[in-house]
Amino acid sequence: MTATIIDGKTIAAELRKRVAADVARVKRDHDLVPGLAVVLVGHDPASEVYVRSKHTQTQAAGMASFEHRLPDDVAQGELLALIATLNADPAVHGILVQLPLPKSLDTETIINAIDPMKDVDGLHPHNAGRLAGGLPALSPCTPLGCIILTKTVRPSLDGLNAIVIGRSNLVGRPLVQLLLNENATVTIAHSRSRDLARLCAQADLVYAAVGRPEMVRGDWIKPGAVVIDVGINRMPGDDGRTRLVGDVAFAEAREVAGAITPVPGGVGQMTVACLLVNTLRAACAIAGLPKPAV
């Protein structure tokens, strides 16, 4: 058996089209233009690539895009003042501070300063708490993308056994809450979990978000399981070029799984698309409009 490849690129493109259609609708019917402000501190190359992608895709969806670039040595007070300005700006419905931040800045303080209604990264304690309580909230984009990808091959997650490998606030923990909301039975595993291979082998859904190249092996996978690989690891290739690999040994797992996401071309494609979803949802909520269908 060879697994179905879950094509994140195609699924993300379809999601962006649906967002653009809803953006056009709220513009037409309510004279509302959703606006996303992205704040980039410093010159991290990977972050700059993400910010360019976000800017391009935000504009392509018909939204307003605002970029704020600050130097590495920006004072924390200056960054907090910018966030306060964005919180008060009626044209801005979503605020994203690109992580990681320089060590001179306190990430928790910065995130906590964002208006929870504009927190399109879903990291503010208000949104994290609501998500944990099973209440409507802005959810982190990558976990949201994982759920959407999963449901393209398993429309109902009711009663399925899921394992989330990784417990970060950005992916692992919120993904667990989203899976519980879908009525899955969830195990959260991490670097200190015992007999991880056995835990994986019991799961119908495997989410690898641990940041270790190809850690999850093919013989860990239950035959027919859905495997969602969140990892993006840069490794030297045989030809001397850098290659991207996930947290799952793709070639091995593909021979066992029922469906699997590739790296690249899987979860990463969904993160920005889900950011657009969150910005549209935030704009509608702030304006007192019904939650968009997308």
Protein backbone atom coordinates (compact mmCIF):
# COMPACT_ATOMS: atom_id res chain seq x y z
CA MET A 1 0.00 0.00 0.00
CA THR A 2 1.24 3.47 -0.87
CA ALA A 3 -0.25 6.40 1.00
CA THR A 4 -2.34 9.12 -0.59
CA ILE A 5 -0.33 12.34 -0.70
CA ILE A 6 -2.19 15.21 0.97
CA ASP A 7 -1.39 18.10 -1.36
CA GLY A 8 -1.12 21.13 0.93
CA LYS A 9 -0.32 23.43 -1.96
CA THR A 10 -3.57 22.69 -3.80
CA ILE A 11 -5.69 22.67 -0.62
CA ALA A 12 -4.19 26.00 0.52
CA ALA A 13 -4.86 27.55 -2.91
CA GLU A 14 -8.51 26.46 -2.72
CA LEU A 15 -8.81 27.88 0.80
CA ARG A 16 -7.32 31.21 -0.31
CA LYS A 17 -9.90 31.38 -3.14
CA ARG A 18 -12.72 30.85 -0.65
CA VAL A 19 -11.29 33.55 1.63
CA ALA A 20 -11.01 35.97 -1.32
CA ALA A 21 -14.65 35.32 -2.24
CA ASP A 22 -15.77 36.07 1.33
CA VAL A 23 -13.56 39.18 1.48
CA ALA A 24 -15.23 40.43 -1.71
CA ARG A 25 -18.64 39.74 -0.14
CA VAL A 26 -18.00 41.70 3.08
CA LYS A 27 -16.54 44.55 1.02
CA ARG A 28 -19.62 44.64 -1.19
CA ASP A 29 -22.26 44.15 1.48
CA HIS A 30 -20.70 45.91 4.48
CA ASP A 31 -18.00 48.21 3.07
CA LEU A 32 -15.47 46.32 5.21
CA VAL A 33 -11.88 45.69 4.08
CA PRO A 34 -10.11 43.25 6.42
CA GLY A 35 -6.63 44.50 7.29
CA LEU A 36 -3.59 42.56 8.49
CA ALA A 37 -0.56 44.22 10.10
CA VAL A 38 2.66 42.21 10.27
CA VAL A 39 5.54 43.37 12.48
CA LEU A 40 9.04 42.09 11.69
CA VAL A 41 11.90 42.80 14.08
CA GLY A 42 15.39 42.34 12.66
CA HIS A 43 16.58 40.55 9.54
CA ASP A 44 16.13 36.82 10.10
CA PRO A 45 16.16 35.37 6.54
CA ALA A 46 13.46 32.75 7.19
CA SER A 47 11.21 35.35 8.83
CA GLU A 48 11.69 37.73 5.90
CA VAL A 49 10.57 35.00 3.48
CA TYR A 50 7.44 34.36 5.56
CA VAL A 51 6.62 38.07 5.79
CA ARG A 52 6.93 38.53 2.01
CA SER A 53 4.64 35.54 1.46
CA LYS A 54 2.09 36.91 3.93
CA HIS A 55 2.13 40.34 2.27
CA THR A 56 1.64 38.88 -1.22
CA GLN A 57 -1.14 36.50 -0.21
CA THR A 58 -2.94 39.09 1.92
CA GLN A 59 -3.13 41.49 -1.02
CA ALA A 60 -4.12 38.69 -3.42
CA ALA A 61 -7.09 37.90 -1.15
CA GLY A 62 -8.27 41.51 -1.43
CA MET A 63 -7.25 42.48 2.09
CA ALA A 64 -5.25 45.49 3.23
CA SER A 65 -1.67 44.63 4.14
CA PHE A 66 0.41 46.72 6.54
CA GLU A 67 4.10 45.96 7.13
CA HIS A 68 6.20 47.36 9.97
CA ARG A 69 9.91 46.57 9.96
CA LEU A 70 11.96 47.39 13.04
CA PRO A 71 15.70 47.01 13.73
CA ASP A 72 17.17 44.21 15.85
CA ASP A 73 17.99 46.63 18.64
CA VAL A 74 14.53 48.21 18.87
CA ALA A 75 13.58 49.10 22.44
CA GLN A 76 10.78 47.03 23.93
CA GLY A 77 8.86 50.20 24.74
CA GLU A 78 8.95 51.25 21.09
CA LEU A 79 7.55 47.90 19.95
CA LEU A 80 4.83 48.04 22.61
CA ALA A 81 3.92 51.57 21.47
CA LEU A 82 3.55 50.32 17.87
CA ILE A 83 1.29 47.49 19.03
CA ALA A 84 -0.84 49.97 20.99
CA THR A 85 -1.19 52.08 17.83
CA LEU A 86 -2.23 49.03 15.79
CA ASN A 87 -4.69 47.97 18.50
CA ALA A 88 -6.39 51.35 18.16
CA ASP A 89 -6.32 51.49 14.33
CA PRO A 90 -9.79 50.67 12.92
CA ALA A 91 -8.24 49.67 9.55
CA VAL A 92 -6.26 46.87 11.25
CA HIS A 93 -8.20 43.74 12.21
CA GLY A 94 -5.29 41.35 12.61
CA ILE A 95 -1.88 41.88 14.22
CA LEU A 96 0.96 39.40 13.82
CA VAL A 97 4.37 39.90 15.41
CA GLN A 98 6.73 37.58 13.54
CA LEU A 99 8.50 35.13 15.84
CA PRO A 100 11.16 34.49 16.98
CA LEU A 101 11.99 37.90 18.45
CA PRO A 102 15.51 39.00 19.42
CA LYS A 103 16.51 37.88 22.92
CA SER A 104 16.50 41.49 24.11
CA LEU A 105 12.70 41.47 23.86
CA ASP A 106 10.31 39.59 26.14
CA THR A 107 8.09 37.55 23.81
CA GLU A 108 5.38 36.94 26.40
CA THR A 109 5.03 40.66 27.16
CA ILE A 110 4.79 41.48 23.45
CA ILE A 111 2.14 38.83 22.74
CA ASN A 112 0.12 39.86 25.79
CA ALA A 113 0.03 43.46 24.53
CA ILE A 114 -1.91 42.51 21.37
CA ASP A 115 -5.68 43.07 21.47
CA PRO A 116 -7.08 39.49 21.76
CA MET A 117 -9.68 40.28 19.08
CA LYS A 118 -6.81 41.11 16.68
CA ASP A 119 -4.57 38.23 17.78
CA VAL A 120 -4.58 36.31 14.48
CA ASP A 121 -1.68 34.12 15.66
CA GLY A 122 -3.95 32.80 18.42
CA LEU A 123 -1.21 33.07 21.06
CA HIS A 124 -2.72 35.57 23.51
CA PRO A 125 -3.64 33.90 26.85
CA HIS A 126 -7.25 35.02 26.31
CA ASN A 127 -7.52 33.02 23.08
CA ALA A 128 -5.47 30.10 24.41
CA GLY A 129 -7.75 29.92 27.46
CA ARG A 130 -10.94 30.04 25.41
CA LEU A 131 -9.60 27.33 23.09
CA ALA A 132 -8.71 25.17 26.12
CA GLY A 133 -12.23 25.69 27.45
CA GLY A 134 -13.82 24.57 24.19
CA LEU A 135 -15.07 28.09 23.44
CA PRO A 136 -14.86 29.99 20.12
CA ALA A 137 -11.43 31.58 19.76
CA LEU A 138 -8.81 32.62 17.23
CA SER A 139 -6.68 29.47 16.91
CA PRO A 140 -2.99 29.31 15.97
CA CYS A 141 -2.68 28.99 12.19
CA THR A 142 -0.52 25.88 11.88
CA PRO A 143 -2.73 23.64 14.08
CA LEU A 144 -5.80 24.95 12.27
CA GLY A 145 -4.15 24.00 8.97
CA CYS A 146 -3.40 20.52 10.33
CA ILE A 147 -7.08 19.94 11.09
CA ILE A 148 -8.17 21.17 7.65
CA LEU A 149 -5.65 18.88 5.92
CA THR A 150 -6.73 15.89 8.00
CA LYS A 151 -10.38 16.42 7.20
CA THR A 152 -9.70 16.33 3.46
CA VAL A 153 -9.11 12.58 3.88
CA ARG A 154 -11.03 11.87 7.11
CA PRO A 155 -14.05 14.24 7.14
CA SER A 156 -15.06 13.07 10.64
CA LEU A 157 -12.49 12.66 13.41
CA ASP A 158 -15.13 11.38 15.86
CA GLY A 159 -13.66 8.72 18.13
CA LEU A 160 -10.36 8.39 16.26
CA ASN A 161 -7.16 7.90 18.26
CA ALA A 162 -4.75 10.79 17.66
CA ILE A 163 -1.20 11.37 18.86
CA VAL A 164 0.45 14.79 18.88
CA ILE A 165 4.24 14.59 19.20
CA GLY A 166 5.39 17.96 20.51
CA ARG A 167 3.95 20.23 23.19
CA SER A 168 4.83 23.76 22.06
CA ASN A 169 2.38 26.62 22.60
CA LEU A 170 2.55 27.34 18.87
CA VAL A 171 1.55 23.89 17.60
CA GLY A 172 1.31 20.94 20.00
CA ARG A 173 -0.88 22.27 22.80
CA PRO A 174 -3.44 24.11 20.65
CA LEU A 175 -3.58 21.18 18.21
CA VAL A 176 -4.61 18.93 21.10
CA GLN A 177 -7.49 21.29 21.93
CA LEU A 178 -8.65 21.45 18.30
CA LEU A 179 -8.60 17.65 18.09
CA LEU A 180 -10.63 17.38 21.30
CA ASN A 181 -13.14 19.80 19.76
CA GLU A 182 -13.41 17.31 16.86
CA ASN A 183 -14.15 14.51 19.37
CA ALA A 184 -10.87 12.67 18.79
CA THR A 185 -9.20 10.75 21.62
CA VAL A 186 -5.84 12.47 22.05
CA THR A 187 -2.43 11.49 23.39
CA ILE A 188 0.17 14.25 23.67
CA ALA A 189 3.74 12.97 23.54
CA HIS A 190 7.11 14.68 23.84
CA SER A 191 10.84 14.17 24.33
CA ARG A 192 10.33 12.40 27.68
CA SER A 193 7.53 10.10 26.59
CA ARG A 194 8.33 6.42 27.06
CA ASP A 195 8.00 3.93 24.20
CA LEU A 196 6.96 6.54 21.65
CA ALA A 197 6.94 3.97 18.85
CA ARG A 198 4.28 1.94 20.67
CA LEU A 199 2.14 5.02 21.32
CA CYS A 200 2.33 5.98 17.63
CA ALA A 201 1.40 2.49 16.49
CA GLN A 202 -1.98 2.82 18.27
CA ALA A 203 -2.91 6.09 16.55
CA ASP A 204 -5.27 6.59 13.61
CA LEU A 205 -3.94 10.16 13.29
CA VAL A 206 -0.26 11.05 13.80
CA TYR A 207 0.86 14.68 14.11
CA ALA A 208 4.65 15.12 14.24
CA ALA A 209 5.71 18.55 15.52
CA VAL A 210 8.84 17.86 17.52
CA GLY A 211 11.56 19.48 15.38
CA ARG A 212 13.71 16.34 14.97
CA PRO A 213 14.51 15.31 11.39
CA GLU A 214 12.83 12.04 10.36
CA MET A 215 12.38 10.93 13.96
CA VAL A 216 9.08 9.13 13.31
CA ARG A 217 9.92 5.95 11.43
CA GLY A 218 7.75 3.92 9.08
CA ASP A 219 7.43 0.99 11.49
CA TRP A 220 5.93 3.34 14.09
CA ILE A 221 2.89 3.97 11.88
CA LYS A 222 -0.36 2.03 12.16
CA PRO A 223 -1.33 0.71 8.70
CA GLY A 224 -3.78 3.12 7.09
CA ALA A 225 -3.16 5.97 9.55
CA VAL A 226 -3.19 9.63 8.52
CA VAL A 227 0.22 11.25 9.08
CA ILE A 228 0.52 15.05 9.29
CA ASP A 229 4.16 16.19 9.34
CA VAL A 230 4.60 19.69 10.78
CA GLY A 231 8.40 19.56 10.85
CA ILE A 232 10.62 21.65 8.57
CA ASN A 233 14.27 20.71 9.03
CA ARG A 234 17.18 21.79 6.83
CA MET A 235 19.62 18.96 6.16
CA PRO A 236 22.68 18.66 3.92
CA GLY A 237 21.88 16.64 0.79
CA ASP A 238 24.14 14.15 -1.01
CA ASP A 239 24.84 16.80 -3.66
CA GLY A 240 25.96 19.34 -1.05
CA ARG A 241 22.75 21.36 -1.30
CA THR A 242 20.42 21.91 1.63
CA ARG A 243 17.27 19.80 1.53
CA LEU A 244 14.09 20.13 3.56
CA VAL A 245 12.85 17.12 5.51
CA GLY A 246 10.06 16.70 8.01
CA ASP A 247 9.88 15.03 11.40
CA VAL A 248 8.66 11.84 9.69
CA ALA A 249 10.78 9.47 7.58
CA PHE A 250 8.57 10.12 4.56
CA ALA A 251 9.66 7.28 2.25
CA GLU A 252 9.20 4.68 5.00
CA ALA A 253 5.91 6.07 6.32
CA ARG A 254 4.42 6.40 2.85
CA GLU A 255 4.55 2.61 2.47
CA VAL A 256 2.40 2.10 5.57
CA ALA A 257 0.17 5.14 6.06
CA GLY A 258 -3.20 5.69 4.43
CA ALA A 259 -2.45 9.38 3.78
CA ILE A 260 0.53 11.63 4.47
CA THR A 261 1.65 15.23 4.02
CA PRO A 262 4.95 15.86 2.20
CA VAL A 263 7.68 18.28 3.27
CA PRO A 264 7.78 20.71 1.59
CA GLY A 265 4.30 21.07 0.09
CA GLY A 266 2.21 20.06 3.10
CA VAL A 267 1.45 21.88 6.34
CA GLY A 268 3.66 24.88 5.58
CA GLN A 269 1.42 25.87 2.68
CA MET A 270 -1.59 26.01 5.01
CA THR A 271 -0.19 28.31 7.67
CA VAL A 272 -0.48 31.56 5.68
CA ALA A 273 -3.84 30.50 4.21
CA CYS A 274 -5.17 30.01 7.76
CA LEU A 275 -3.75 33.39 8.75
CA LEU A 276 -6.03 34.89 6.09
CA VAL A 277 -8.95 32.89 7.52
CA ASN A 278 -8.24 34.27 11.01
CA THR A 279 -7.94 37.85 9.71
CA LEU A 280 -11.30 37.58 7.95
CA ARG A 281 -12.90 36.06 11.07
CA ALA A 282 -11.40 38.79 13.26
CA ALA A 283 -12.63 41.55 10.94
CA CYS A 284 -16.17 40.16 10.98
CA ALA A 285 -16.16 39.73 14.77
CA ILE A 286 -14.86 43.27 15.37
CA ALA A 287 -17.50 44.66 13.00
CA GLY A 288 -20.26 42.64 14.69
CA LEU A 289 -20.95 40.60 11.55
CA PRO A 290 -21.76 36.87 11.49
CA LYS A 291 -18.82 34.47 11.40
CA PRO A 292 -17.83 33.89 7.75
CA ALA A 293 -18.52 30.49 6.24
CA VAL A 294 -14.88 29.83 5.36
